[in-house]
Amino acid sequence: MVERLKALCNKKKTTFSSVEKELGFSNGSLIKSKPDKISAYRVKALANYFGVSMDYLLTGDVHPTYSPEIRDFITRLEKLPREYQNDVFKALKHAEYDYAESLNKKDSSLA
């Protein structure tokens, strides 16, 4: 967990001591924390501070509750350039619209 916290600090351009001070933790407590000894309150506070899930802090798993297929889709989507991601989102919106329309047609035929 300490390695993930270091990476998050680097990404946010902050330090452990700044995070500790801002969250009201004692000085040096993050670097000395053992994952099995840190309280749920602290994990939640850190997750909120960095905008990540508690699961990510504890396990490194970015999408722990998704099926393997959905996690694969998200991983592959994140690797695409932004303009291609936008194309995927547009295609998804069209698919959602088409699906909703097909449901509406089924409902109409049942009435």
N, C-alpha and C. Protein backbone atom coordinates (compact mmCIF):
# COMPACT_ATOMS: atom_id res chain seq x y z
N MET A 1 0.82 -1.19 0.00
CA MET A 1 0.00 0.00 0.00
C MET A 1 0.87 1.26 0.00
N VAL A 2 1.99 1.20 0.65
CA VAL A 2 2.88 2.37 0.71
C VAL A 2 3.33 2.77 -0.70
N GLU A 3 3.62 1.78 -1.54
CA GLU A 3 4.04 2.09 -2.91
C GLU A 3 2.93 2.78 -3.70
N ARG A 4 1.70 2.33 -3.51
CA ARG A 4 0.57 3.00 -4.19
C ARG A 4 0.40 4.42 -3.66
N LEU A 5 0.58 4.61 -2.36
CA LEU A 5 0.48 5.96 -1.79
C LEU A 5 1.58 6.86 -2.33
N LYS A 6 2.78 6.32 -2.48
CA LYS A 6 3.88 7.11 -3.05
C LYS A 6 3.53 7.55 -4.47
N ALA A 7 3.02 6.61 -5.27
CA ALA A 7 2.65 6.93 -6.65
C ALA A 7 1.55 7.98 -6.69
N LEU A 8 0.57 7.87 -5.81
CA LEU A 8 -0.52 8.84 -5.76
C LEU A 8 -0.01 10.22 -5.33
N CYS A 9 0.90 10.23 -4.38
CA CYS A 9 1.50 11.50 -3.95
C CYS A 9 2.26 12.15 -5.11
N ASN A 10 3.03 11.35 -5.83
CA ASN A 10 3.77 11.88 -6.98
C ASN A 10 2.82 12.44 -8.03
N LYS A 11 1.75 11.70 -8.30
CA LYS A 11 0.78 12.14 -9.30
C LYS A 11 0.12 13.45 -8.89
N LYS A 12 -0.14 13.59 -7.60
CA LYS A 12 -0.80 14.80 -7.08
C LYS A 12 0.21 15.89 -6.72
N LYS A 13 1.49 15.59 -6.91
CA LYS A 13 2.58 16.52 -6.59
C LYS A 13 2.51 17.01 -5.14
N THR A 14 2.42 16.03 -4.26
CA THR A 14 2.39 16.32 -2.84
C THR A 14 3.31 15.34 -2.12
N THR A 15 3.43 15.48 -0.83
CA THR A 15 4.29 14.62 -0.03
C THR A 15 3.47 13.90 1.04
N PHE A 16 4.07 12.84 1.59
CA PHE A 16 3.41 12.13 2.68
C PHE A 16 3.11 13.09 3.83
N SER A 17 4.08 13.91 4.18
CA SER A 17 3.89 14.80 5.34
C SER A 17 2.77 15.80 5.08
N SER A 18 2.63 16.28 3.84
CA SER A 18 1.53 17.21 3.52
C SER A 18 0.18 16.51 3.64
N VAL A 19 0.12 15.27 3.15
CA VAL A 19 -1.13 14.50 3.23
C VAL A 19 -1.47 14.24 4.69
N GLU A 20 -0.48 13.82 5.46
CA GLU A 20 -0.70 13.55 6.88
C GLU A 20 -1.22 14.78 7.60
N LYS A 21 -0.61 15.91 7.32
CA LYS A 21 -1.01 17.16 7.97
C LYS A 21 -2.43 17.54 7.58
N GLU A 22 -2.74 17.44 6.27
CA GLU A 22 -4.06 17.81 5.79
C GLU A 22 -5.16 16.91 6.34
N LEU A 23 -4.85 15.63 6.52
CA LEU A 23 -5.85 14.68 7.00
C LEU A 23 -5.85 14.54 8.53
N GLY A 24 -4.92 15.21 9.20
CA GLY A 24 -4.86 15.16 10.66
C GLY A 24 -4.22 13.90 11.21
N PHE A 25 -3.39 13.25 10.39
CA PHE A 25 -2.66 12.07 10.84
C PHE A 25 -1.35 12.51 11.48
N SER A 26 -0.81 11.69 12.35
CA SER A 26 0.47 12.03 12.98
C SER A 26 1.60 11.96 11.95
N ASN A 27 2.62 12.77 12.18
CA ASN A 27 3.76 12.87 11.27
C ASN A 27 4.49 11.53 11.17
N GLY A 28 4.70 11.07 9.95
CA GLY A 28 5.41 9.82 9.72
C GLY A 28 4.55 8.58 9.78
N SER A 29 3.26 8.76 10.06
CA SER A 29 2.40 7.58 10.24
C SER A 29 2.12 6.82 8.95
N LEU A 30 2.12 7.50 7.81
CA LEU A 30 1.84 6.80 6.55
C LEU A 30 2.97 5.89 6.13
N ILE A 31 4.18 6.35 6.23
CA ILE A 31 5.33 5.56 5.79
C ILE A 31 5.54 4.35 6.71
N LYS A 32 5.12 4.49 7.96
CA LYS A 32 5.30 3.40 8.92
C LYS A 32 4.11 2.45 8.96
N SER A 33 3.03 2.80 8.27
CA SER A 33 1.80 1.99 8.33
C SER A 33 1.98 0.64 7.67
N LYS A 34 1.54 -0.38 8.35
CA LYS A 34 1.48 -1.72 7.77
C LYS A 34 0.04 -1.91 7.30
N PRO A 35 -0.14 -2.42 6.08
CA PRO A 35 -1.50 -2.53 5.52
C PRO A 35 -2.49 -3.25 6.43
N ASP A 36 -2.03 -4.26 7.16
CA ASP A 36 -2.96 -5.00 8.02
C ASP A 36 -3.23 -4.30 9.34
N LYS A 37 -2.56 -3.17 9.59
CA LYS A 37 -2.73 -2.45 10.85
C LYS A 37 -3.44 -1.11 10.69
N ILE A 38 -3.60 -0.64 9.46
CA ILE A 38 -4.20 0.67 9.25
C ILE A 38 -5.72 0.58 9.41
N SER A 39 -6.29 1.58 10.04
CA SER A 39 -7.74 1.55 10.30
C SER A 39 -8.54 1.81 9.03
N ALA A 40 -9.77 1.32 9.04
CA ALA A 40 -10.68 1.55 7.91
C ALA A 40 -10.92 3.04 7.73
N TYR A 41 -10.98 3.77 8.84
CA TYR A 41 -11.18 5.23 8.78
C TYR A 41 -10.06 5.89 7.99
N ARG A 42 -8.83 5.51 8.26
CA ARG A 42 -7.69 6.10 7.55
C ARG A 42 -7.67 5.71 6.08
N VAL A 43 -7.97 4.46 5.78
CA VAL A 43 -8.01 4.01 4.39
C VAL A 43 -9.07 4.81 3.64
N LYS A 44 -10.24 4.98 4.25
CA LYS A 44 -11.33 5.73 3.62
C LYS A 44 -10.92 7.19 3.42
N ALA A 45 -10.29 7.79 4.41
CA ALA A 45 -9.85 9.18 4.30
C ALA A 45 -8.83 9.35 3.17
N LEU A 46 -7.89 8.41 3.08
CA LEU A 46 -6.89 8.45 2.01
C LEU A 46 -7.53 8.24 0.64
N ALA A 47 -8.45 7.30 0.55
CA ALA A 47 -9.14 7.03 -0.71
C ALA A 47 -9.89 8.27 -1.17
N ASN A 48 -10.60 8.92 -0.27
CA ASN A 48 -11.32 10.14 -0.61
C ASN A 48 -10.36 11.25 -1.03
N TYR A 49 -9.28 11.39 -0.31
CA TYR A 49 -8.29 12.44 -0.60
C TYR A 49 -7.72 12.28 -2.01
N PHE A 50 -7.38 11.05 -2.38
CA PHE A 50 -6.74 10.80 -3.68
C PHE A 50 -7.75 10.49 -4.80
N GLY A 51 -9.02 10.34 -4.44
CA GLY A 51 -10.03 10.05 -5.45
C GLY A 51 -9.92 8.65 -6.03
N VAL A 52 -9.58 7.70 -5.18
CA VAL A 52 -9.48 6.29 -5.59
C VAL A 52 -10.34 5.46 -4.65
N SER A 53 -10.53 4.20 -4.97
CA SER A 53 -11.31 3.32 -4.09
C SER A 53 -10.45 2.78 -2.95
N MET A 54 -11.13 2.37 -1.91
CA MET A 54 -10.42 1.71 -0.81
C MET A 54 -9.79 0.42 -1.31
N ASP A 55 -10.51 -0.29 -2.18
CA ASP A 55 -9.97 -1.52 -2.75
C ASP A 55 -8.65 -1.27 -3.46
N TYR A 56 -8.59 -0.16 -4.22
CA TYR A 56 -7.35 0.14 -4.93
C TYR A 56 -6.21 0.36 -3.93
N LEU A 57 -6.45 1.12 -2.88
CA LEU A 57 -5.38 1.36 -1.90
C LEU A 57 -4.91 0.06 -1.26
N LEU A 58 -5.85 -0.80 -0.93
CA LEU A 58 -5.49 -2.03 -0.22
C LEU A 58 -4.93 -3.12 -1.12
N THR A 59 -5.46 -3.23 -2.34
CA THR A 59 -5.08 -4.38 -3.19
C THR A 59 -4.41 -3.99 -4.50
N GLY A 60 -4.60 -2.74 -4.91
CA GLY A 60 -4.08 -2.32 -6.21
C GLY A 60 -5.03 -2.61 -7.35
N ASP A 61 -6.17 -3.23 -7.05
CA ASP A 61 -7.15 -3.58 -8.08
C ASP A 61 -7.99 -2.34 -8.38
N VAL A 62 -7.96 -1.91 -9.64
CA VAL A 62 -8.65 -0.68 -10.02
C VAL A 62 -10.16 -0.88 -10.13
N HIS A 63 -10.60 -2.02 -10.62
CA HIS A 63 -12.02 -2.28 -10.85
C HIS A 63 -12.42 -3.60 -10.20
N PRO A 64 -12.39 -3.68 -8.87
CA PRO A 64 -12.56 -4.97 -8.21
C PRO A 64 -13.95 -5.59 -8.32
N THR A 65 -14.99 -4.80 -8.49
CA THR A 65 -16.33 -5.36 -8.47
C THR A 65 -16.86 -5.69 -9.85
N TYR A 66 -16.12 -5.38 -10.88
CA TYR A 66 -16.57 -5.66 -12.24
C TYR A 66 -16.17 -7.07 -12.67
N SER A 67 -16.93 -7.60 -13.61
CA SER A 67 -16.60 -8.92 -14.16
C SER A 67 -15.28 -8.80 -14.93
N PRO A 68 -14.60 -9.92 -15.17
CA PRO A 68 -13.35 -9.88 -15.93
C PRO A 68 -13.52 -9.25 -17.32
N GLU A 69 -14.67 -9.47 -17.94
CA GLU A 69 -14.91 -8.90 -19.27
C GLU A 69 -14.99 -7.39 -19.22
N ILE A 70 -15.70 -6.87 -18.22
CA ILE A 70 -15.84 -5.41 -18.08
C ILE A 70 -14.50 -4.80 -17.70
N ARG A 71 -13.75 -5.44 -16.83
CA ARG A 71 -12.42 -4.92 -16.46
C ARG A 71 -11.51 -4.89 -17.67
N ASP A 72 -11.58 -5.92 -18.52
CA ASP A 72 -10.78 -5.94 -19.74
C ASP A 72 -11.19 -4.80 -20.66
N PHE A 73 -12.50 -4.59 -20.80
CA PHE A 73 -13.00 -3.50 -21.65
C PHE A 73 -12.48 -2.15 -21.15
N ILE A 74 -12.57 -1.91 -19.86
CA ILE A 74 -12.12 -0.64 -19.28
C ILE A 74 -10.62 -0.46 -19.48
N THR A 75 -9.85 -1.50 -19.24
CA THR A 75 -8.40 -1.44 -19.42
C THR A 75 -8.05 -1.10 -20.86
N ARG A 76 -8.72 -1.77 -21.80
CA ARG A 76 -8.46 -1.51 -23.22
C ARG A 76 -8.90 -0.11 -23.62
N LEU A 77 -10.04 0.34 -23.09
CA LEU A 77 -10.54 1.68 -23.39
C LEU A 77 -9.57 2.75 -22.88
N GLU A 78 -9.03 2.55 -21.68
CA GLU A 78 -8.11 3.52 -21.10
C GLU A 78 -6.82 3.66 -21.91
N LYS A 79 -6.47 2.63 -22.67
CA LYS A 79 -5.24 2.67 -23.48
C LYS A 79 -5.43 3.43 -24.79
N LEU A 80 -6.68 3.64 -25.20
CA LEU A 80 -6.95 4.34 -26.46
C LEU A 80 -6.71 5.84 -26.32
N PRO A 81 -6.30 6.49 -27.41
CA PRO A 81 -6.23 7.96 -27.39
C PRO A 81 -7.63 8.54 -27.12
N ARG A 82 -7.68 9.73 -26.57
CA ARG A 82 -8.94 10.34 -26.14
C ARG A 82 -9.98 10.41 -27.27
N GLU A 83 -9.55 10.76 -28.49
CA GLU A 83 -10.53 10.89 -29.57
C GLU A 83 -11.20 9.55 -29.89
N TYR A 84 -10.46 8.46 -29.76
CA TYR A 84 -11.04 7.13 -29.97
C TYR A 84 -11.95 6.74 -28.81
N GLN A 85 -11.59 7.15 -27.61
CA GLN A 85 -12.47 6.91 -26.46
C GLN A 85 -13.81 7.60 -26.70
N ASN A 86 -13.77 8.83 -27.21
CA ASN A 86 -15.00 9.56 -27.50
C ASN A 86 -15.85 8.83 -28.53
N ASP A 87 -15.20 8.23 -29.53
CA ASP A 87 -15.93 7.45 -30.53
C ASP A 87 -16.63 6.25 -29.89
N VAL A 88 -15.95 5.59 -28.96
CA VAL A 88 -16.54 4.45 -28.27
C VAL A 88 -17.75 4.91 -27.46
N PHE A 89 -17.64 6.06 -26.77
CA PHE A 89 -18.76 6.57 -25.99
C PHE A 89 -19.96 6.91 -26.88
N LYS A 90 -19.68 7.49 -28.05
CA LYS A 90 -20.77 7.81 -28.98
C LYS A 90 -21.45 6.53 -29.45
N ALA A 91 -20.67 5.51 -29.77
CA ALA A 91 -21.24 4.24 -30.21
C ALA A 91 -22.08 3.61 -29.10
N LEU A 92 -21.60 3.73 -27.88
CA LEU A 92 -22.35 3.19 -26.74
C LEU A 92 -23.68 3.92 -26.57
N LYS A 93 -23.67 5.24 -26.72
CA LYS A 93 -24.92 6.01 -26.61
C LYS A 93 -25.91 5.59 -27.68
N HIS A 94 -25.42 5.38 -28.90
CA HIS A 94 -26.30 4.92 -29.99
C HIS A 94 -26.86 3.54 -29.67
N ALA A 95 -26.04 2.66 -29.14
CA ALA A 95 -26.49 1.31 -28.79
C ALA A 95 -27.55 1.38 -27.68
N GLU A 96 -27.33 2.24 -26.68
CA GLU A 96 -28.31 2.40 -25.61
C GLU A 96 -29.64 2.91 -26.17
N TYR A 97 -29.57 3.88 -27.06
CA TYR A 97 -30.78 4.44 -27.67
C TYR A 97 -31.51 3.36 -28.46
N ASP A 98 -30.78 2.62 -29.29
CA ASP A 98 -31.40 1.56 -30.08
C ASP A 98 -32.05 0.49 -29.19
N TYR A 99 -31.36 0.15 -28.10
CA TYR A 99 -31.89 -0.83 -27.17
C TYR A 99 -33.18 -0.32 -26.52
N ALA A 100 -33.18 0.94 -26.07
CA ALA A 100 -34.36 1.53 -25.46
C ALA A 100 -35.52 1.55 -26.45
N GLU A 101 -35.22 1.88 -27.69
CA GLU A 101 -36.26 1.88 -28.73
C GLU A 101 -36.84 0.49 -28.93
N SER A 102 -35.99 -0.53 -28.93
CA SER A 102 -36.49 -1.90 -29.12
C SER A 102 -37.37 -2.31 -27.95
N LEU A 103 -37.04 -1.87 -26.74
CA LEU A 103 -37.88 -2.18 -25.58
C LEU A 103 -39.22 -1.47 -25.69
N ASN A 104 -39.20 -0.23 -26.15
CA ASN A 104 -40.44 0.52 -26.30
C ASN A 104 -41.35 -0.14 -27.34
N LYS A 105 -40.78 -0.65 -28.41
CA LYS A 105 -41.57 -1.34 -29.45
C LYS A 105 -42.19 -2.62 -28.89
N LYS A 106 -41.42 -3.35 -28.07
CA LYS A 106 -41.95 -4.57 -27.46
C LYS A 106 -43.10 -4.24 -26.54
N ASP A 107 -42.92 -3.18 -25.71
CA ASP A 107 -43.98 -2.76 -24.79
C ASP A 107 -45.24 -2.36 -25.55
N SER A 108 -45.08 -1.66 -26.69
CA SER A 108 -46.22 -1.22 -27.48
C SER A 108 -46.97 -2.38 -28.07
N SER A 109 -46.24 -3.42 -28.47
CA SER A 109 -46.90 -4.58 -29.09
C SER A 109 -47.65 -5.42 -28.06
N LEU A 110 -47.28 -5.31 -26.80
CA LEU A 110 -47.95 -6.07 -25.75
C LEU A 110 -49.25 -5.42 -25.30
N ALA A 111 -49.38 -4.13 -25.55
CA ALA A 111 -50.57 -3.39 -25.08
C ALA A 111 -51.77 -3.61 -25.95
